[in-house]
Amino acid sequence: MIDLHCHLLPGVDDGADSMDTALRMAAMAAQSGVELIVTTPHCNTRNRRKNYRSQELEARFRQLEAALEQWQIPLRLAPGAEVLVRGEMEPLLEQELLMPLAGSRYLLVEFYFDELPDEITRQLGVIRRYGFVPVVAHPERYFCVQDEPRLARQWTSQGCVLQLNKGSILGTLGEGAYAAAEYLLSRGLCRVIASDAHHYRYRTPELGPLVPELERRFPQLDPERLLQRNPARILADRALP
């Protein structure tokens, strides 16, 4: 399996707080069947650390790769970021400060949970005009989608990719997210599922337990497509079927 959304890079956001935590998370992911993780630190937040494209982030990524090899954890990594869309995005896009997934044209983006739907739609249009394919992180957690889940169909019809969180499907992120995830999955609007993991004790990177749950509740779906084939096409910068 491939995890496109994971806060594994240590010491850069509210995910792994140390190399030890990152290695524990990586070992847990590998044991559950994950073969590759895209490290997606929070980017463009209001915090001091903005996590724009930088030599420092690249160095931290290489350090984590080396540590995985040293400890013989069978897990590959690819770089990326989870970009918070706020304010005007044009300057960041023009200056190429944002890191897409594995250098592809796919950009993982998130919005404030209470963002207005018209603003989300407008900003997704801005990102598309700069040649990126927006991968909308956890749309099932946005209040507007929980209130009116058909909004998500509009975004997919415009070429966006919807990425659901494991925790929403398993019911650990609240009833609203659970119900919205149910709607999106049952109607085939979700293209990718990821862990959005932050630690090895909570919001973990294990994806293995998700497969039987998907098979039980959504027999019409192909878990391999959502957890392996579609993520692989994204990382290869190929269009999704």
C-alpha atoms as a PDB file:
ATOM      1  CA  MET A   1       0.000   0.000   0.000  1.00  0.00           C
ATOM      2  CA  ILE A   2       0.966   3.646  -0.493  1.00  0.00           C
ATOM      3  CA  ASP A   3       0.176   6.349   2.052  1.00  0.00           C
ATOM      4  CA  LEU A   4      -0.051   9.740   0.339  1.00  0.00           C
ATOM      5  CA  HIS A   5      -0.721  11.769   3.499  1.00  0.00           C
ATOM      6  CA  CYS A   6       1.380  11.194   6.619  1.00  0.00           C
ATOM      7  CA  HIS A   7       3.062  13.541   9.098  1.00  0.00           C
ATOM      8  CA  LEU A   8       6.153  11.376   9.424  1.00  0.00           C
ATOM      9  CA  LEU A   9       8.934  13.931   8.970  1.00  0.00           C
ATOM     10  CA  PRO A  10      10.212  14.561  12.524  1.00  0.00           C
ATOM     11  CA  GLY A  11      10.248  17.920  14.259  1.00  0.00           C
ATOM     12  CA  VAL A  12       8.542  20.041  11.611  1.00  0.00           C
ATOM     13  CA  ASP A  13       4.858  20.121  12.649  1.00  0.00           C
ATOM     14  CA  ASP A  14       2.378  18.469  15.030  1.00  0.00           C
ATOM     15  CA  GLY A  15       3.251  15.016  13.703  1.00  0.00           C
ATOM     16  CA  ALA A  16       6.339  13.012  14.668  1.00  0.00           C
ATOM     17  CA  ASP A  17       8.113  15.021  17.356  1.00  0.00           C
ATOM     18  CA  SER A  18      11.435  13.175  17.139  1.00  0.00           C
ATOM     19  CA  MET A  19      13.366  10.727  15.001  1.00  0.00           C
ATOM     20  CA  ASP A  20      12.472   7.964  17.465  1.00  0.00           C
ATOM     21  CA  THR A  21       8.755   8.681  17.013  1.00  0.00           C
ATOM     22  CA  ALA A  22       9.154   8.762  13.227  1.00  0.00           C
ATOM     23  CA  LEU A  23      10.950   5.408  13.214  1.00  0.00           C
ATOM     24  CA  ARG A  24       8.282   3.824  15.411  1.00  0.00           C
ATOM     25  CA  MET A  25       5.608   5.137  13.067  1.00  0.00           C
ATOM     26  CA  ALA A  26       7.515   3.880  10.043  1.00  0.00           C
ATOM     27  CA  ALA A  27       7.926   0.399  11.518  1.00  0.00           C
ATOM     28  CA  MET A  28       4.211   0.285  12.384  1.00  0.00           C
ATOM     29  CA  ALA A  29       3.266   1.309   8.855  1.00  0.00           C
ATOM     30  CA  ALA A  30       5.561  -1.260   7.256  1.00  0.00           C
ATOM     31  CA  GLN A  31       4.217  -4.026   9.472  1.00  0.00           C
ATOM     32  CA  SER A  32       0.674  -3.196   8.369  1.00  0.00           C
ATOM     33  CA  GLY A  33       1.554  -3.537   4.680  1.00  0.00           C
ATOM     34  CA  VAL A  34       2.528   0.022   3.735  1.00  0.00           C
ATOM     35  CA  GLU A  35       5.422   0.067   1.271  1.00  0.00           C
ATOM     36  CA  LEU A  36       5.764   3.806   0.593  1.00  0.00           C
ATOM     37  CA  ILE A  37       4.864   6.945   2.524  1.00  0.00           C
ATOM     38  CA  VAL A  38       4.765  10.488   1.199  1.00  0.00           C
ATOM     39  CA  THR A  39       5.939  12.796   3.974  1.00  0.00           C
ATOM     40  CA  THR A  40       3.443  15.666   4.047  1.00  0.00           C
ATOM     41  CA  PRO A  41       4.269  18.239   6.738  1.00  0.00           C
ATOM     42  CA  HIS A  42       1.764  21.028   7.301  1.00  0.00           C
ATOM     43  CA  CYS A  43       2.617  23.920   4.990  1.00  0.00           C
ATOM     44  CA  ASN A  44       1.511  27.582   4.874  1.00  0.00           C
ATOM     45  CA  THR A  45       0.022  27.530   8.373  1.00  0.00           C
ATOM     46  CA  ARG A  46      -0.037  30.471  10.765  1.00  0.00           C
ATOM     47  CA  ASN A  47       2.712  28.869  12.854  1.00  0.00           C
ATOM     48  CA  ARG A  48       6.310  30.005  12.812  1.00  0.00           C
ATOM     49  CA  ARG A  49       7.386  27.076  10.642  1.00  0.00           C
ATOM     50  CA  LYS A  50       5.769  27.523   7.225  1.00  0.00           C
ATOM     51  CA  ASN A  51       7.426  24.451   5.643  1.00  0.00           C
ATOM     52  CA  TYR A  52       7.771  25.918   2.189  1.00  0.00           C
ATOM     53  CA  ARG A  53      10.189  24.262  -0.230  1.00  0.00           C
ATOM     54  CA  SER A  54      13.664  24.579   1.323  1.00  0.00           C
ATOM     55  CA  GLN A  55      17.059  22.935   1.657  1.00  0.00           C
ATOM     56  CA  GLU A  56      16.320  22.379   5.357  1.00  0.00           C
ATOM     57  CA  LEU A  57      13.240  20.281   4.612  1.00  0.00           C
ATOM     58  CA  GLU A  58      15.145  18.327   1.982  1.00  0.00           C
ATOM     59  CA  ALA A  59      17.944  17.648   4.483  1.00  0.00           C
ATOM     60  CA  ARG A  60      15.456  16.407   7.099  1.00  0.00           C
ATOM     61  CA  PHE A  61      13.909  14.137   4.488  1.00  0.00           C
ATOM     62  CA  ARG A  62      17.309  12.647   3.618  1.00  0.00           C
ATOM     63  CA  GLN A  63      18.091  12.130   7.306  1.00  0.00           C
ATOM     64  CA  LEU A  64      14.872  10.172   7.750  1.00  0.00           C
ATOM     65  CA  GLU A  65      15.644   8.074   4.661  1.00  0.00           C
ATOM     66  CA  ALA A  66      19.084   7.273   6.046  1.00  0.00           C
ATOM     67  CA  ALA A  67      17.641   6.341   9.451  1.00  0.00           C
ATOM     68  CA  LEU A  68      15.150   3.943   7.831  1.00  0.00           C
ATOM     69  CA  GLU A  69      18.004   2.262   5.995  1.00  0.00           C
ATOM     70  CA  GLN A  70      20.151   2.121   9.128  1.00  0.00           C
ATOM     71  CA  TRP A  71      17.380   0.467  11.142  1.00  0.00           C
ATOM     72  CA  GLN A  72      16.417  -1.768   8.198  1.00  0.00           C
ATOM     73  CA  ILE A  73      12.806  -0.634   8.108  1.00  0.00           C
ATOM     74  CA  PRO A  74      11.421  -1.723   4.705  1.00  0.00           C
ATOM     75  CA  LEU A  75       9.702   1.519   3.814  1.00  0.00           C
ATOM     76  CA  ARG A  76      10.296   3.909   0.926  1.00  0.00           C
ATOM     77  CA  LEU A  77       9.671   7.652   1.156  1.00  0.00           C
ATOM     78  CA  ALA A  78       8.650  10.419  -1.223  1.00  0.00           C
ATOM     79  CA  PRO A  79       8.537  14.157  -0.427  1.00  0.00           C
ATOM     80  CA  GLY A  80       5.459  16.337  -0.339  1.00  0.00           C
ATOM     81  CA  ALA A  81       3.437  18.677   1.853  1.00  0.00           C
ATOM     82  CA  GLU A  82      -0.100  19.309   3.058  1.00  0.00           C
ATOM     83  CA  VAL A  83      -0.746  22.895   2.004  1.00  0.00           C
ATOM     84  CA  LEU A  84      -3.240  24.935   4.003  1.00  0.00           C
ATOM     85  CA  VAL A  85      -5.119  27.107   1.514  1.00  0.00           C
ATOM     86  CA  ARG A  86      -5.635  30.533   3.064  1.00  0.00           C
ATOM     87  CA  GLY A  87      -5.438  34.055   1.743  1.00  0.00           C
ATOM     88  CA  GLU A  88      -4.294  34.539  -1.837  1.00  0.00           C
ATOM     89  CA  MET A  89      -2.292  31.592  -3.159  1.00  0.00           C
ATOM     90  CA  GLU A  90      -0.924  33.137  -6.351  1.00  0.00           C
ATOM     91  CA  PRO A  91       2.371  34.416  -4.865  1.00  0.00           C
ATOM     92  CA  LEU A  92       3.190  30.994  -3.389  1.00  0.00           C
ATOM     93  CA  LEU A  93       2.328  29.267  -6.654  1.00  0.00           C
ATOM     94  CA  GLU A  94       4.258  31.753  -8.774  1.00  0.00           C
ATOM     95  CA  GLN A  95       7.373  31.467  -6.593  1.00  0.00           C
ATOM     96  CA  GLU A  96       7.110  27.634  -6.586  1.00  0.00           C
ATOM     97  CA  LEU A  97       7.284  27.527  -2.800  1.00  0.00           C
ATOM     98  CA  LEU A  98       4.819  24.642  -2.469  1.00  0.00           C
ATOM     99  CA  MET A  99       5.881  21.006  -2.713  1.00  0.00           C
ATOM    100  CA  PRO A 100       3.594  18.747  -4.736  1.00  0.00           C
ATOM    101  CA  LEU A 101       3.454  15.012  -4.105  1.00  0.00           C
ATOM    102  CA  ALA A 102       6.745  13.439  -5.216  1.00  0.00           C
ATOM    103  CA  GLY A 103       7.400  16.304  -7.617  1.00  0.00           C
ATOM    104  CA  SER A 104       4.257  15.535  -9.617  1.00  0.00           C
ATOM    105  CA  ARG A 105       1.524  17.965 -10.659  1.00  0.00           C
ATOM    106  CA  TYR A 106      -0.660  16.688  -7.801  1.00  0.00           C
ATOM    107  CA  LEU A 107      -0.777  19.125  -4.862  1.00  0.00           C
ATOM    108  CA  LEU A 108      -2.207  17.987  -1.516  1.00  0.00           C
ATOM    109  CA  VAL A 109      -4.294  20.837  -0.093  1.00  0.00           C
ATOM    110  CA  GLU A 110      -6.455  21.324   2.973  1.00  0.00           C
ATOM    111  CA  PHE A 111      -8.872  24.016   4.103  1.00  0.00           C
ATOM    112  CA  TYR A 112     -10.133  25.290   7.429  1.00  0.00           C
ATOM    113  CA  PHE A 113     -12.952  23.028   8.566  1.00  0.00           C
ATOM    114  CA  ASP A 114     -15.382  25.968   8.619  1.00  0.00           C
ATOM    115  CA  GLU A 115     -14.328  27.408   5.240  1.00  0.00           C
ATOM    116  CA  LEU A 116     -17.203  28.539   3.015  1.00  0.00           C
ATOM    117  CA  PRO A 117     -17.867  26.250   0.043  1.00  0.00           C
ATOM    118  CA  ASP A 118     -17.686  29.057  -2.527  1.00  0.00           C
ATOM    119  CA  GLU A 119     -14.223  29.999  -1.266  1.00  0.00           C
ATOM    120  CA  ILE A 120     -13.042  26.394  -1.463  1.00  0.00           C
ATOM    121  CA  THR A 121     -14.312  26.162  -5.042  1.00  0.00           C
ATOM    122  CA  ARG A 122     -12.646  29.469  -5.972  1.00  0.00           C
ATOM    123  CA  GLN A 123      -9.280  28.506  -4.497  1.00  0.00           C
ATOM    124  CA  LEU A 124      -9.330  25.092  -6.160  1.00  0.00           C
ATOM    125  CA  GLY A 125      -9.831  26.921  -9.455  1.00  0.00           C
ATOM    126  CA  VAL A 126      -6.803  29.132  -8.756  1.00  0.00           C
ATOM    127  CA  ILE A 127      -4.637  26.088  -8.051  1.00  0.00           C
ATOM    128  CA  ARG A 128      -5.802  24.355 -11.232  1.00  0.00           C
ATOM    129  CA  ARG A 129      -4.967  27.435 -13.318  1.00  0.00           C
ATOM    130  CA  TYR A 130      -1.340  27.050 -12.240  1.00  0.00           C
ATOM    131  CA  GLY A 131      -1.261  23.544 -13.696  1.00  0.00           C
ATOM    132  CA  PHE A 132      -1.755  21.541 -10.516  1.00  0.00           C
ATOM    133  CA  VAL A 133      -4.306  18.847  -9.816  1.00  0.00           C
ATOM    134  CA  PRO A 134      -5.632  19.558  -6.300  1.00  0.00           C
ATOM    135  CA  VAL A 135      -5.787  16.530  -4.033  1.00  0.00           C
ATOM    136  CA  VAL A 136      -8.305  17.668  -1.427  1.00  0.00           C
ATOM    137  CA  ALA A 137      -7.266  16.303   1.958  1.00  0.00           C
ATOM    138  CA  HIS A 138     -10.055  14.894   4.161  1.00  0.00           C
ATOM    139  CA  PRO A 139     -13.044  16.720   2.595  1.00  0.00           C
ATOM    140  CA  GLU A 140     -15.304  14.649   4.850  1.00  0.00           C
ATOM    141  CA  ARG A 141     -14.067  16.723   7.799  1.00  0.00           C
ATOM    142  CA  TYR A 142     -15.166  20.067   6.337  1.00  0.00           C
ATOM    143  CA  PHE A 143     -18.414  21.294   7.815  1.00  0.00           C
ATOM    144  CA  CYS A 144     -19.840  22.356   4.436  1.00  0.00           C
ATOM    145  CA  VAL A 145     -19.369  18.831   3.064  1.00  0.00           C
ATOM    146  CA  GLN A 146     -20.897  17.322   6.181  1.00  0.00           C
ATOM    147  CA  ASP A 147     -23.906  19.629   5.723  1.00  0.00           C
ATOM    148  CA  GLU A 148     -24.129  19.158   1.950  1.00  0.00           C
ATOM    149  CA  PRO A 149     -21.949  16.254   0.767  1.00  0.00           C
ATOM    150  CA  ARG A 150     -23.017  16.760  -2.860  1.00  0.00           C
ATOM    151  CA  LEU A 151     -20.570  19.687  -2.934  1.00  0.00           C
ATOM    152  CA  ALA A 152     -17.801  17.141  -3.307  1.00  0.00           C
ATOM    153  CA  ARG A 153     -19.212  15.976  -6.638  1.00  0.00           C
ATOM    154  CA  GLN A 154     -18.726  19.482  -8.011  1.00  0.00           C
ATOM    155  CA  TRP A 155     -15.041  19.421  -7.081  1.00  0.00           C
ATOM    156  CA  THR A 156     -14.458  16.004  -8.622  1.00  0.00           C
ATOM    157  CA  SER A 157     -16.237  17.077 -11.813  1.00  0.00           C
ATOM    158  CA  GLN A 158     -13.719  19.929 -12.040  1.00  0.00           C
ATOM    159  CA  GLY A 159     -10.807  17.491 -11.922  1.00  0.00           C
ATOM    160  CA  CYS A 160      -9.962  17.482  -8.222  1.00  0.00           C
ATOM    161  CA  VAL A 161      -9.054  14.295  -6.369  1.00  0.00           C
ATOM    162  CA  LEU A 162     -10.671  13.571  -3.002  1.00  0.00           C
ATOM    163  CA  GLN A 163      -8.523  11.902  -0.318  1.00  0.00           C
ATOM    164  CA  LEU A 164     -10.353  10.466   2.675  1.00  0.00           C
ATOM    165  CA  ASN A 165      -8.791   9.808   6.076  1.00  0.00           C
ATOM    166  CA  LYS A 166      -8.603   6.335   7.546  1.00  0.00           C
ATOM    167  CA  GLY A 167      -9.908   7.633  10.877  1.00  0.00           C
ATOM    168  CA  SER A 168     -13.044   9.079   9.304  1.00  0.00           C
ATOM    169  CA  ILE A 169     -13.940   5.706   7.789  1.00  0.00           C
ATOM    170  CA  LEU A 170     -13.274   3.881  11.060  1.00  0.00           C
ATOM    171  CA  GLY A 171     -15.313   6.408  13.056  1.00  0.00           C
ATOM    172  CA  THR A 172     -12.517   7.858  15.187  1.00  0.00           C
ATOM    173  CA  LEU A 173     -12.814  11.437  13.864  1.00  0.00           C
ATOM    174  CA  GLY A 174     -16.422  12.130  14.780  1.00  0.00           C
ATOM    175  CA  GLU A 175     -19.909  11.263  13.584  1.00  0.00           C
ATOM    176  CA  GLY A 176     -20.025  14.020  10.979  1.00  0.00           C
ATOM    177  CA  ALA A 177     -16.823  12.857   9.286  1.00  0.00           C
ATOM    178  CA  TYR A 178     -17.985   9.230   9.470  1.00  0.00           C
ATOM    179  CA  ALA A 179     -21.309  10.003   7.763  1.00  0.00           C
ATOM    180  CA  ALA A 180     -19.703  12.170   5.079  1.00  0.00           C
ATOM    181  CA  ALA A 181     -17.071   9.511   4.377  1.00  0.00           C
ATOM    182  CA  GLU A 182     -19.859   6.943   4.040  1.00  0.00           C
ATOM    183  CA  TYR A 183     -21.595   9.157   1.467  1.00  0.00           C
ATOM    184  CA  LEU A 184     -18.439   9.808  -0.568  1.00  0.00           C
ATOM    185  CA  LEU A 185     -17.341   6.171  -0.610  1.00  0.00           C
ATOM    186  CA  SER A 186     -20.768   4.750  -1.408  1.00  0.00           C
ATOM    187  CA  ARG A 187     -21.039   7.088  -4.418  1.00  0.00           C
ATOM    188  CA  GLY A 188     -17.539   6.457  -5.742  1.00  0.00           C
ATOM    189  CA  LEU A 189     -16.324  10.016  -5.185  1.00  0.00           C
ATOM    190  CA  CYS A 190     -13.244   9.071  -3.153  1.00  0.00           C
ATOM    191  CA  ARG A 191     -10.135   8.296  -5.211  1.00  0.00           C
ATOM    192  CA  VAL A 192      -7.538   7.844  -2.453  1.00  0.00           C
ATOM    193  CA  ILE A 193      -7.510   6.840   1.210  1.00  0.00           C
ATOM    194  CA  ALA A 194      -4.568   7.809   3.437  1.00  0.00           C
ATOM    195  CA  SER A 195      -3.680   7.680   7.113  1.00  0.00           C
ATOM    196  CA  ASP A 196      -3.046  11.376   7.894  1.00  0.00           C
ATOM    197  CA  ALA A 197      -1.016   9.832  10.711  1.00  0.00           C
ATOM    198  CA  HIS A 198       0.540  11.961  13.453  1.00  0.00           C
ATOM    199  CA  HIS A 199       1.907   9.440  15.983  1.00  0.00           C
ATOM    200  CA  TYR A 200       2.257   5.738  16.776  1.00  0.00           C
ATOM    201  CA  ARG A 201      -0.138   5.935  19.734  1.00  0.00           C
ATOM    202  CA  TYR A 202      -2.963   7.922  18.143  1.00  0.00           C
ATOM    203  CA  ARG A 203      -3.903   8.670  14.536  1.00  0.00           C
ATOM    204  CA  THR A 204      -1.502   5.908  13.586  1.00  0.00           C
ATOM    205  CA  PRO A 205      -0.088   5.029  10.140  1.00  0.00           C
ATOM    206  CA  GLU A 206      -1.504   1.485  10.054  1.00  0.00           C
ATOM    207  CA  LEU A 207      -3.560   0.967   6.900  1.00  0.00           C
ATOM    208  CA  GLY A 208      -3.898  -2.820   7.049  1.00  0.00           C
ATOM    209  CA  PRO A 209      -6.968  -2.868   9.367  1.00  0.00           C
ATOM    210  CA  LEU A 210      -8.812  -0.651   6.902  1.00  0.00           C
ATOM    211  CA  VAL A 211      -8.976  -3.273   4.145  1.00  0.00           C
ATOM    212  CA  PRO A 212     -11.438  -5.727   5.788  1.00  0.00           C
ATOM    213  CA  GLU A 213     -13.572  -2.781   6.918  1.00  0.00           C
ATOM    214  CA  LEU A 214     -13.822  -1.503   3.346  1.00  0.00           C
ATOM    215  CA  GLU A 215     -14.588  -4.984   2.021  1.00  0.00           C
ATOM    216  CA  ARG A 216     -17.341  -5.444   4.593  1.00  0.00           C
ATOM    217  CA  ARG A 217     -19.068  -2.079   4.235  1.00  0.00           C
ATOM    218  CA  PHE A 218     -18.367  -1.238   0.581  1.00  0.00           C
ATOM    219  CA  PRO A 219     -18.225  -4.508  -1.385  1.00  0.00           C
ATOM    220  CA  GLN A 220     -18.599  -2.579  -4.648  1.00  0.00           C
ATOM    221  CA  LEU A 221     -15.255  -0.837  -4.082  1.00  0.00           C
ATOM    222  CA  ASP A 222     -11.756  -2.092  -4.841  1.00  0.00           C
ATOM    223  CA  PRO A 223      -9.547  -1.313  -1.808  1.00  0.00           C
ATOM    224  CA  GLU A 224      -6.413  -1.912  -3.861  1.00  0.00           C
ATOM    225  CA  ARG A 225      -7.402   0.898  -6.226  1.00  0.00           C
ATOM    226  CA  LEU A 226      -7.849   3.367  -3.358  1.00  0.00           C
ATOM    227  CA  LEU A 227      -4.779   2.308  -1.376  1.00  0.00           C
ATOM    228  CA  GLN A 228      -2.328   1.260  -4.080  1.00  0.00           C
ATOM    229  CA  ARG A 229      -3.125   1.774  -7.756  1.00  0.00           C
ATOM    230  CA  ASN A 230      -4.472   5.328  -7.646  1.00  0.00           C
ATOM    231  CA  PRO A 231      -1.726   6.550  -5.281  1.00  0.00           C
ATOM    232  CA  ALA A 232       0.883   4.933  -7.539  1.00  0.00           C
ATOM    233  CA  ARG A 233      -0.509   6.727 -10.586  1.00  0.00           C
ATOM    234  CA  ILE A 234      -0.421  10.033  -8.695  1.00  0.00           C
ATOM    235  CA  LEU A 235       3.220   9.555  -7.740  1.00  0.00           C
ATOM    236  CA  ALA A 236       4.022   8.646 -11.349  1.00  0.00           C
ATOM    237  CA  ASP A 237       2.272  11.895 -12.428  1.00  0.00           C
ATOM    238  CA  ARG A 238      -0.299   9.957 -14.448  1.00  0.00           C
ATOM    239  CA  ALA A 239      -3.983  10.707 -14.818  1.00  0.00           C
ATOM    240  CA  LEU A 240      -6.423   8.688 -12.759  1.00  0.00           C
ATOM    241  CA  PRO A 241      -8.786   6.477 -14.750  1.00  0.00           C
END
